[in-house]
C-alpha atoms as a PDB file:
ATOM      1  CA  MET A   1       3.438   4.819  18.118  1.00  0.00           C
ATOM      2  CA  MET A   2       2.022   7.931  16.731  1.00  0.00           C
ATOM      3  CA  ALA A   3      -0.746   9.736  19.434  1.00  0.00           C
ATOM      4  CA  SER A   4      -2.866  11.054  15.917  1.00  0.00           C
ATOM      5  CA  TYR A   5      -2.416   7.865  13.841  1.00  0.00           C
ATOM      6  CA  ASN A   6      -6.094   8.247  12.749  1.00  0.00           C
ATOM      7  CA  TYR A   7      -6.239  11.752  11.781  1.00  0.00           C
ATOM      8  CA  ASP A   8      -9.391  13.846  11.171  1.00  0.00           C
ATOM      9  CA  GLU A   9      -7.485  15.871   8.441  1.00  0.00           C
ATOM     10  CA  PHE A  10      -4.823  15.228   5.802  1.00  0.00           C
ATOM     11  CA  SER A  11      -1.515  17.214   6.398  1.00  0.00           C
ATOM     12  CA  THR A  12       2.062  16.341   5.121  1.00  0.00           C
ATOM     13  CA  SER A  13       3.220  16.672   8.674  1.00  0.00           C
ATOM     14  CA  ASP A  14       1.335  13.121   9.136  1.00  0.00           C
ATOM     15  CA  TYR A  15       4.350  11.548   7.159  1.00  0.00           C
ATOM     16  CA  ASP A  16       8.080  11.554   6.996  1.00  0.00           C
ATOM     17  CA  PHE A  17       8.954  11.323   3.239  1.00  0.00           C
ATOM     18  CA  ASP A  18      12.422  11.301   3.697  1.00  0.00           C
ATOM     19  CA  ARG A  19      13.056   8.334   6.198  1.00  0.00           C
ATOM     20  CA  ILE A  20      10.779   5.439   5.690  1.00  0.00           C
ATOM     21  CA  ASP A  21      10.397   3.233   8.818  1.00  0.00           C
ATOM     22  CA  GLY A  22       9.332  -0.504   9.059  1.00  0.00           C
ATOM     23  CA  VAL A  23      10.373  -3.834   7.672  1.00  0.00           C
ATOM     24  CA  ASP A  24      13.912  -3.386   5.728  1.00  0.00           C
ATOM     25  CA  LEU A  25      14.496  -4.741   1.805  1.00  0.00           C
ATOM     26  CA  GLY A  26      15.845  -8.047   2.382  1.00  0.00           C
ATOM     27  CA  GLY A  27      14.700  -8.194   5.825  1.00  0.00           C
ATOM     28  CA  LYS A  28      12.166 -10.509   7.655  1.00  0.00           C
ATOM     29  CA  ALA A  29       8.804  -9.500   7.142  1.00  0.00           C
ATOM     30  CA  LYS A  30       6.206  -8.995  10.331  1.00  0.00           C
ATOM     31  CA  ASP A  31       3.848 -11.317  10.933  1.00  0.00           C
ATOM     32  CA  PHE A  32       0.185 -10.471  12.631  1.00  0.00           C
ATOM     33  CA  THR A  33      -2.953 -12.230  12.849  1.00  0.00           C
ATOM     34  CA  LEU A  34      -5.482 -10.017  11.611  1.00  0.00           C
ATOM     35  CA  GLU A  35      -9.508 -10.023  10.406  1.00  0.00           C
ATOM     36  CA  THR A  36     -10.313 -10.560   6.662  1.00  0.00           C
ATOM     37  CA  THR A  37     -13.634  -8.623   4.953  1.00  0.00           C
ATOM     38  CA  ASP A  38     -14.708 -12.292   4.819  1.00  0.00           C
ATOM     39  CA  GLY A  39     -14.847 -12.681   8.680  1.00  0.00           C
ATOM     40  CA  GLU A  40     -11.801 -15.050   8.742  1.00  0.00           C
ATOM     41  CA  ILE A  41      -9.073 -14.591  11.448  1.00  0.00           C
ATOM     42  CA  ARG A  42      -5.915 -15.462   9.759  1.00  0.00           C
ATOM     43  CA  ARG A  43      -1.900 -14.668   9.862  1.00  0.00           C
ATOM     44  CA  LEU A  44      -1.062 -11.676   7.202  1.00  0.00           C
ATOM     45  CA  LEU A  45       1.963 -14.341   6.046  1.00  0.00           C
ATOM     46  CA  ASP A  46       0.032 -17.567   6.117  1.00  0.00           C
ATOM     47  CA  PHE A  47       0.023 -17.361   2.131  1.00  0.00           C
ATOM     48  CA  SER A  48      -0.548 -20.154  -0.332  1.00  0.00           C
ATOM     49  CA  GLY A  49       1.082 -18.757  -2.901  1.00  0.00           C
ATOM     50  CA  GLU A  50       4.797 -19.026  -4.107  1.00  0.00           C
ATOM     51  CA  PHE A  51       5.071 -14.831  -3.037  1.00  0.00           C
ATOM     52  CA  LEU A  52       2.744 -12.472  -1.320  1.00  0.00           C
ATOM     53  CA  VAL A  53       1.972  -8.997  -3.205  1.00  0.00           C
ATOM     54  CA  LEU A  54       0.946  -6.894  -0.294  1.00  0.00           C
ATOM     55  CA  GLU A  55      -0.245  -3.553  -1.091  1.00  0.00           C
ATOM     56  CA  MET A  56      -1.140  -0.807   1.578  1.00  0.00           C
ATOM     57  CA  GLY A  57      -4.511   0.845   0.703  1.00  0.00           C
ATOM     58  CA  SER A  58      -7.984   2.875   1.685  1.00  0.00           C
ATOM     59  CA  ARG A  59     -11.080   3.560   0.240  1.00  0.00           C
ATOM     60  CA  THR A  60      -9.979   7.811   0.265  1.00  0.00           C
ATOM     61  CA  CYS A  61      -6.457   6.981  -1.142  1.00  0.00           C
ATOM     62  CA  PRO A  62      -6.022   8.182  -4.803  1.00  0.00           C
ATOM     63  CA  LEU A  63      -2.942   6.545  -5.687  1.00  0.00           C
ATOM     64  CA  PHE A  64      -4.379   3.259  -4.230  1.00  0.00           C
ATOM     65  CA  GLN A  65      -7.142   3.704  -5.980  1.00  0.00           C
ATOM     66  CA  SER A  66      -5.574   4.807  -9.560  1.00  0.00           C
ATOM     67  CA  ARG A  67      -3.454   1.585  -9.407  1.00  0.00           C
ATOM     68  CA  ARG A  68      -6.552  -1.007  -8.243  1.00  0.00           C
ATOM     69  CA  ASN A  69      -7.437  -1.561 -12.382  1.00  0.00           C
ATOM     70  CA  ILE A  70      -3.839  -2.661 -13.138  1.00  0.00           C
ATOM     71  CA  MET A  71      -3.401  -4.399  -9.777  1.00  0.00           C
ATOM     72  CA  GLN A  72      -6.183  -6.851  -9.809  1.00  0.00           C
ATOM     73  CA  PRO A  73      -5.563  -8.216 -13.119  1.00  0.00           C
ATOM     74  CA  LEU A  74      -1.813  -8.873 -11.868  1.00  0.00           C
ATOM     75  CA  GLU A  75      -3.780 -11.883  -9.592  1.00  0.00           C
ATOM     76  CA  ARG A  76      -4.820 -13.536 -12.631  1.00  0.00           C
ATOM     77  CA  GLU A  77      -1.540 -13.153 -14.726  1.00  0.00           C
ATOM     78  CA  PHE A  78       0.063 -14.473 -11.880  1.00  0.00           C
ATOM     79  CA  SER A  79      -2.048 -16.941 -10.465  1.00  0.00           C
ATOM     80  CA  ASN A  80       0.332 -19.018  -8.549  1.00  0.00           C
ATOM     81  CA  LEU A  81       0.839 -16.329  -6.148  1.00  0.00           C
ATOM     82  CA  SER A  82      -0.752 -14.555  -3.763  1.00  0.00           C
ATOM     83  CA  PHE A  83      -2.510 -10.993  -3.274  1.00  0.00           C
ATOM     84  CA  ALA A  84      -3.592  -8.915  -0.520  1.00  0.00           C
ATOM     85  CA  VAL A  85      -4.769  -5.417   0.522  1.00  0.00           C
ATOM     86  CA  LEU A  86      -3.946  -4.267   4.062  1.00  0.00           C
ATOM     87  CA  TYR A  87      -6.799  -1.892   4.723  1.00  0.00           C
ATOM     88  CA  VAL A  88      -5.176   0.937   6.644  1.00  0.00           C
ATOM     89  CA  ARG A  89      -5.785   4.656   7.766  1.00  0.00           C
ATOM     90  CA  GLU A  90      -8.147   6.861   5.222  1.00  0.00           C
ATOM     91  CA  ALA A  91      -5.169   8.922   3.588  1.00  0.00           C
ATOM     92  CA  HIS A  92      -7.756  11.641   2.765  1.00  0.00           C
ATOM     93  CA  PRO A  93     -10.804  11.502   5.208  1.00  0.00           C
ATOM     94  CA  GLY A  94     -13.653  13.836   4.209  1.00  0.00           C
ATOM     95  CA  SER A  95     -17.193  14.240   5.505  1.00  0.00           C
ATOM     96  CA  ASN A  96     -18.702  11.082   4.210  1.00  0.00           C
ATOM     97  CA  ILE A  97     -15.390   8.825   4.722  1.00  0.00           C
ATOM     98  CA  PRO A  98     -14.214  10.252   8.113  1.00  0.00           C
ATOM     99  CA  GLY A  99     -10.997   9.120   9.862  1.00  0.00           C
ATOM    100  CA  HIS A 100     -11.624   5.772  11.961  1.00  0.00           C
ATOM    101  CA  LYS A 101     -13.044   7.015  15.280  1.00  0.00           C
ATOM    102  CA  SER A 102     -13.108   2.811  16.322  1.00  0.00           C
ATOM    103  CA  PHE A 103     -12.164  -0.615  14.874  1.00  0.00           C
ATOM    104  CA  GLU A 104     -15.702  -0.986  13.324  1.00  0.00           C
ATOM    105  CA  ASP A 105     -15.191   2.082  11.799  1.00  0.00           C
ATOM    106  CA  LYS A 106     -12.004   0.845   9.623  1.00  0.00           C
ATOM    107  CA  ALA A 107     -13.936  -2.617   9.299  1.00  0.00           C
ATOM    108  CA  THR A 108     -16.813  -0.783   7.710  1.00  0.00           C
ATOM    109  CA  CYS A 109     -14.536   1.270   4.998  1.00  0.00           C
ATOM    110  CA  ALA A 110     -12.453  -2.071   4.361  1.00  0.00           C
ATOM    111  CA  ARG A 111     -16.067  -4.227   3.320  1.00  0.00           C
ATOM    112  CA  GLN A 112     -17.243  -1.165   1.565  1.00  0.00           C
ATOM    113  CA  LEU A 113     -13.962  -1.677  -0.900  1.00  0.00           C
ATOM    114  CA  LYS A 114     -15.071  -4.977  -1.571  1.00  0.00           C
ATOM    115  CA  GLU A 115     -18.707  -4.526  -1.838  1.00  0.00           C
ATOM    116  CA  ALA A 116     -19.104  -0.639  -3.304  1.00  0.00           C
ATOM    117  CA  ASP A 117     -15.635  -0.494  -5.386  1.00  0.00           C
ATOM    118  CA  GLY A 118     -15.527  -3.849  -6.522  1.00  0.00           C
ATOM    119  CA  GLU A 119     -11.999  -5.191  -4.768  1.00  0.00           C
ATOM    120  CA  THR A 120     -11.060  -8.234  -5.618  1.00  0.00           C
ATOM    121  CA  ARG A 121      -8.079  -9.564  -3.334  1.00  0.00           C
ATOM    122  CA  THR A 122      -8.126 -10.577   0.112  1.00  0.00           C
ATOM    123  CA  VAL A 123      -8.565  -7.601   2.383  1.00  0.00           C
ATOM    124  CA  PHE A 124      -6.757  -7.612   5.728  1.00  0.00           C
ATOM    125  CA  ILE A 125      -8.289  -5.178   7.952  1.00  0.00           C
ATOM    126  CA  ASP A 126      -5.323  -3.721  10.307  1.00  0.00           C
ATOM    127  CA  THR A 127      -5.928  -3.017  13.924  1.00  0.00           C
ATOM    128  CA  PHE A 128      -7.328   0.366  15.090  1.00  0.00           C
ATOM    129  CA  GLU A 129      -3.817   1.722  16.259  1.00  0.00           C
ATOM    130  CA  GLY A 130      -2.531   0.594  12.849  1.00  0.00           C
ATOM    131  CA  LEU A 131       0.236  -2.004  14.202  1.00  0.00           C
ATOM    132  CA  ALA A 132       0.913  -3.544  11.065  1.00  0.00           C
ATOM    133  CA  HIS A 133       1.119  -0.533   8.840  1.00  0.00           C
ATOM    134  CA  GLN A 134       3.226   1.067  11.188  1.00  0.00           C
ATOM    135  CA  ALA A 135       5.413  -2.271  11.051  1.00  0.00           C
ATOM    136  CA  TYR A 136       5.709  -1.670   7.194  1.00  0.00           C
ATOM    137  CA  GLY A 137       6.323   1.774   7.277  1.00  0.00           C
ATOM    138  CA  SER A 138       2.960   3.593   7.576  1.00  0.00           C
ATOM    139  CA  MET A 139       2.958   5.055   3.936  1.00  0.00           C
ATOM    140  CA  PRO A 140      -0.476   5.172   2.111  1.00  0.00           C
ATOM    141  CA  ASN A 141       0.052   3.353  -0.732  1.00  0.00           C
ATOM    142  CA  ALA A 142       3.470   1.038  -0.380  1.00  0.00           C
ATOM    143  CA  VAL A 143       3.844  -2.337  -1.779  1.00  0.00           C
ATOM    144  CA  PHE A 144       5.852  -5.392  -0.619  1.00  0.00           C
ATOM    145  CA  ILE A 145       6.364  -8.711  -2.221  1.00  0.00           C
ATOM    146  CA  ILE A 146       7.312 -11.166   0.334  1.00  0.00           C
ATOM    147  CA  ASN A 147       8.784 -14.784  -0.323  1.00  0.00           C
ATOM    148  CA  LYS A 148       8.045 -18.480   1.530  1.00  0.00           C
ATOM    149  CA  ASN A 149      10.912 -17.732   3.505  1.00  0.00           C
ATOM    150  CA  GLY A 150       9.218 -14.451   5.104  1.00  0.00           C
ATOM    151  CA  CYS A 151      11.810 -11.799   3.342  1.00  0.00           C
ATOM    152  CA  VAL A 152      10.703  -9.012   1.629  1.00  0.00           C
ATOM    153  CA  VAL A 153      12.265  -9.365  -1.461  1.00  0.00           C
ATOM    154  CA  PHE A 154      10.970  -6.121  -3.035  1.00  0.00           C
ATOM    155  CA  ARG A 155       9.272  -2.795  -1.383  1.00  0.00           C
ATOM    156  CA  SER A 156       8.226   0.789  -2.887  1.00  0.00           C
ATOM    157  CA  ASP A 157       6.984   3.024  -0.694  1.00  0.00           C
ATOM    158  CA  TRP A 158       4.592   4.221  -3.325  1.00  0.00           C
ATOM    159  CA  ASN A 159       3.521   1.304  -5.612  1.00  0.00           C
ATOM    160  CA  ASN A 160       4.207   2.015  -9.178  1.00  0.00           C
ATOM    161  CA  PRO A 161       2.095  -1.438 -11.040  1.00  0.00           C
ATOM    162  CA  SER A 162       4.439  -1.398 -13.864  1.00  0.00           C
ATOM    163  CA  SER A 163       7.208  -1.791 -11.499  1.00  0.00           C
ATOM    164  CA  THR A 164       5.434  -4.485  -9.233  1.00  0.00           C
ATOM    165  CA  ARG A 165       4.675  -6.304 -12.402  1.00  0.00           C
ATOM    166  CA  LYS A 166       8.146  -6.365 -13.797  1.00  0.00           C
ATOM    167  CA  ALA A 167       9.426  -7.230 -10.309  1.00  0.00           C
ATOM    168  CA  LEU A 168       7.319 -10.233 -10.612  1.00  0.00           C
ATOM    169  CA  ARG A 169       8.214 -11.389 -13.889  1.00  0.00           C
ATOM    170  CA  GLU A 170      11.519 -11.594 -12.753  1.00  0.00           C
ATOM    171  CA  LEU A 171      10.807 -13.462  -9.490  1.00  0.00           C
ATOM    172  CA  VAL A 172       8.859 -16.387 -11.218  1.00  0.00           C
ATOM    173  CA  GLU A 173      11.506 -16.259 -14.467  1.00  0.00           C
ATOM    174  CA  GLY A 174      14.053 -17.266 -11.398  1.00  0.00           C
ATOM    175  CA  ARG A 175      16.046 -13.938 -12.027  1.00  0.00           C
ATOM    176  CA  PRO A 176      17.040 -11.500  -9.178  1.00  0.00           C
ATOM    177  CA  ILE A 177      14.749  -7.944  -9.353  1.00  0.00           C
ATOM    178  CA  THR A 178      16.135  -5.378 -10.764  1.00  0.00           C
ATOM    179  CA  ALA A 179      13.014  -3.304 -11.135  1.00  0.00           C
ATOM    180  CA  ARG A 180      13.005   0.372  -9.491  1.00  0.00           C
ATOM    181  CA  SER A 181      10.023   1.861  -8.843  1.00  0.00           C
ATOM    182  CA  PHE A 182       9.801   5.242  -9.283  1.00  0.00           C
ATOM    183  CA  PHE A 183       6.977   7.561  -8.214  1.00  0.00           C
ATOM    184  CA  ARG A 184       3.937   7.826 -10.646  1.00  0.00           C
ATOM    185  CA  PRO A 185       0.999  10.648  -9.839  1.00  0.00           C
ATOM    186  CA  ALA A 186      -2.716   9.581  -9.015  1.00  0.00           C
ATOM    187  CA  VAL A 187      -5.015   9.128 -11.966  1.00  0.00           C
ATOM    188  CA  PRO A 188      -6.893  12.645 -12.348  1.00  0.00           C
ATOM    189  CA  THR A 189     -10.183  11.234 -12.965  1.00  0.00           C
ATOM    190  CA  VAL A 190      -9.517   8.683 -10.250  1.00  0.00           C
ATOM    191  CA  ALA A 191      -8.136  11.282  -7.782  1.00  0.00           C
ATOM    192  CA  ILE A 192     -10.990  13.473  -8.385  1.00  0.00           C
ATOM    193  CA  ARG A 193     -13.398  10.518  -7.915  1.00  0.00           C
ATOM    194  CA  THR A 194     -11.781   9.353  -4.614  1.00  0.00           C
ATOM    195  CA  MET A 195     -12.198  12.715  -2.879  1.00  0.00           C
ATOM    196  CA  LYS A 196     -15.772  13.338  -4.144  1.00  0.00           C
ATOM    197  CA  ASN A 197     -16.394  10.176  -2.825  1.00  0.00           C
ATOM    198  CA  ALA A 198     -14.903  10.927   0.429  1.00  0.00           C
ATOM    199  CA  GLY A 199     -16.642  14.511   0.956  1.00  0.00           C
ATOM    200  CA  LYS A 200     -16.145  18.103   1.605  1.00  0.00           C
ATOM    201  CA  GLY A 201     -12.389  18.785   3.268  1.00  0.00           C
ATOM    202  CA  SER A 202     -10.732  15.446   1.135  1.00  0.00           C
ATOM    203  CA  ALA A 203      -9.855  17.739  -2.174  1.00  0.00           C
ATOM    204  CA  ALA A 204      -9.290  20.830   0.192  1.00  0.00           C
ATOM    205  CA  ASP A 205      -6.464  18.831   2.444  1.00  0.00           C
ATOM    206  CA  PHE A 206      -5.019  17.341  -0.579  1.00  0.00           C
ATOM    207  CA  PHE A 207      -4.592  20.446  -2.698  1.00  0.00           C
ATOM    208  CA  LYS A 208      -2.959  22.158   0.119  1.00  0.00           C
ATOM    209  CA  GLY A 209      -0.467  19.716   0.324  1.00  0.00           C
ATOM    210  CA  LEU A 210       0.121  18.974  -3.429  1.00  0.00           C
ATOM    211  CA  PRO A 211       2.894  21.210  -3.984  1.00  0.00           C
ATOM    212  CA  PHE A 212       5.012  19.648  -1.455  1.00  0.00           C
ATOM    213  CA  LEU A 213       3.997  15.848  -2.596  1.00  0.00           C
ATOM    214  CA  VAL A 214       4.952  16.773  -6.178  1.00  0.00           C
ATOM    215  CA  TRP A 215       8.267  18.159  -4.897  1.00  0.00           C
ATOM    216  CA  THR A 216       9.458  15.484  -2.513  1.00  0.00           C
ATOM    217  CA  ASN A 217       8.099  12.409  -4.721  1.00  0.00           C
ATOM    218  CA  VAL A 218       7.653  13.301  -8.187  1.00  0.00           C
ATOM    219  CA  PHE A 219      11.095  15.462  -8.224  1.00  0.00           C
ATOM    220  CA  LYS A 220      13.520  14.539  -5.336  1.00  0.00           C
ATOM    221  CA  ARG A 221      12.493  10.885  -4.643  1.00  0.00           C
ATOM    222  CA  ASN A 222      12.597   9.919  -8.661  1.00  0.00           C
ATOM    223  CA  TRP A 223      15.822  11.750  -8.803  1.00  0.00           C
ATOM    224  CA  ARG A 224      17.738   9.571  -6.287  1.00  0.00           C
ATOM    225  CA  LEU A 225      15.992   6.614  -7.317  1.00  0.00           C
ATOM    226  CA  LEU A 226      17.421   7.388 -10.718  1.00  0.00           C
ATOM    227  CA  PHE A 227      20.956   6.996  -9.356  1.00  0.00           C
ATOM    228  CA  LYS A 228      20.329   4.223  -7.183  1.00  0.00           C
ATOM    229  CA  LYS A 229      21.626   0.599  -7.735  1.00  0.00           C
ATOM    230  CA  PRO A 230      18.865  -2.066  -7.565  1.00  0.00           C
ATOM    231  CA  ALA A 231      19.320  -4.274  -4.601  1.00  0.00           C
ATOM    232  CA  GLN A 232      18.586  -7.092  -6.858  1.00  0.00           C
ATOM    233  CA  TYR A 233      16.844  -9.783  -4.227  1.00  0.00           C
ATOM    234  CA  SER A 234      15.922 -12.976  -5.101  1.00  0.00           C
ATOM    235  CA  GLY A 235      13.093 -15.314  -4.653  1.00  0.00           C
ATOM    236  CA  GLU A 236      15.627 -17.332  -2.833  1.00  0.00           C
ATOM    237  CA  THR A 237      16.742 -14.994  -0.457  1.00  0.00           C
ATOM    238  CA  ILE A 238      16.749 -16.362   3.354  1.00  0.00           C
ATOM    239  CA  CYS A 239      16.859 -13.138   5.744  1.00  0.00           C
END
């Protein structure tokens, strides 16, 4: 476990973009007992839908905030599936929304995601130490699709909602997944608003690391993915 999981200032050294640990594609998803923003204590994998679509996010993550207006309608489009957000550490903390110093800090931010930002999906609050987040690879806006056998049939280190939607469509139609999730930058207006809400320090840290992030994700990661054959797991996958 990282000693500095809840950082005060974003740095590219907080993440390993070349080697993403956590649950493997086709492997068994990790289960945790967590509190939701509604005050319920629930198992992460105790979902009623045919599949669980689990997205990592925080209020200060421009990518997550950029995806929400696409991901939330998917919950209505695929009404027989379960959708949830795992609230993790603040991606780009600032003076208004600083890094968490306690579980209550994290719970407060998670509730504000629902109340102030209007998130409609179930929001699970990770532990202060980020145990669930680290088990799922520690990336700020990863997404996982998990079947009823508890197997990860689709995962992307960075959520691309168009690819996630294609994967869901293939699953519900009984076909193996062929979707490849290329990295897509945050919507500029959403990114600016997100960092403004986070407060002083958020944007400065983000822009300092931007050249590295662009090279690592837009170019290097997408280039590798272009030549990588999809694993093609299905809803019937057993792990």
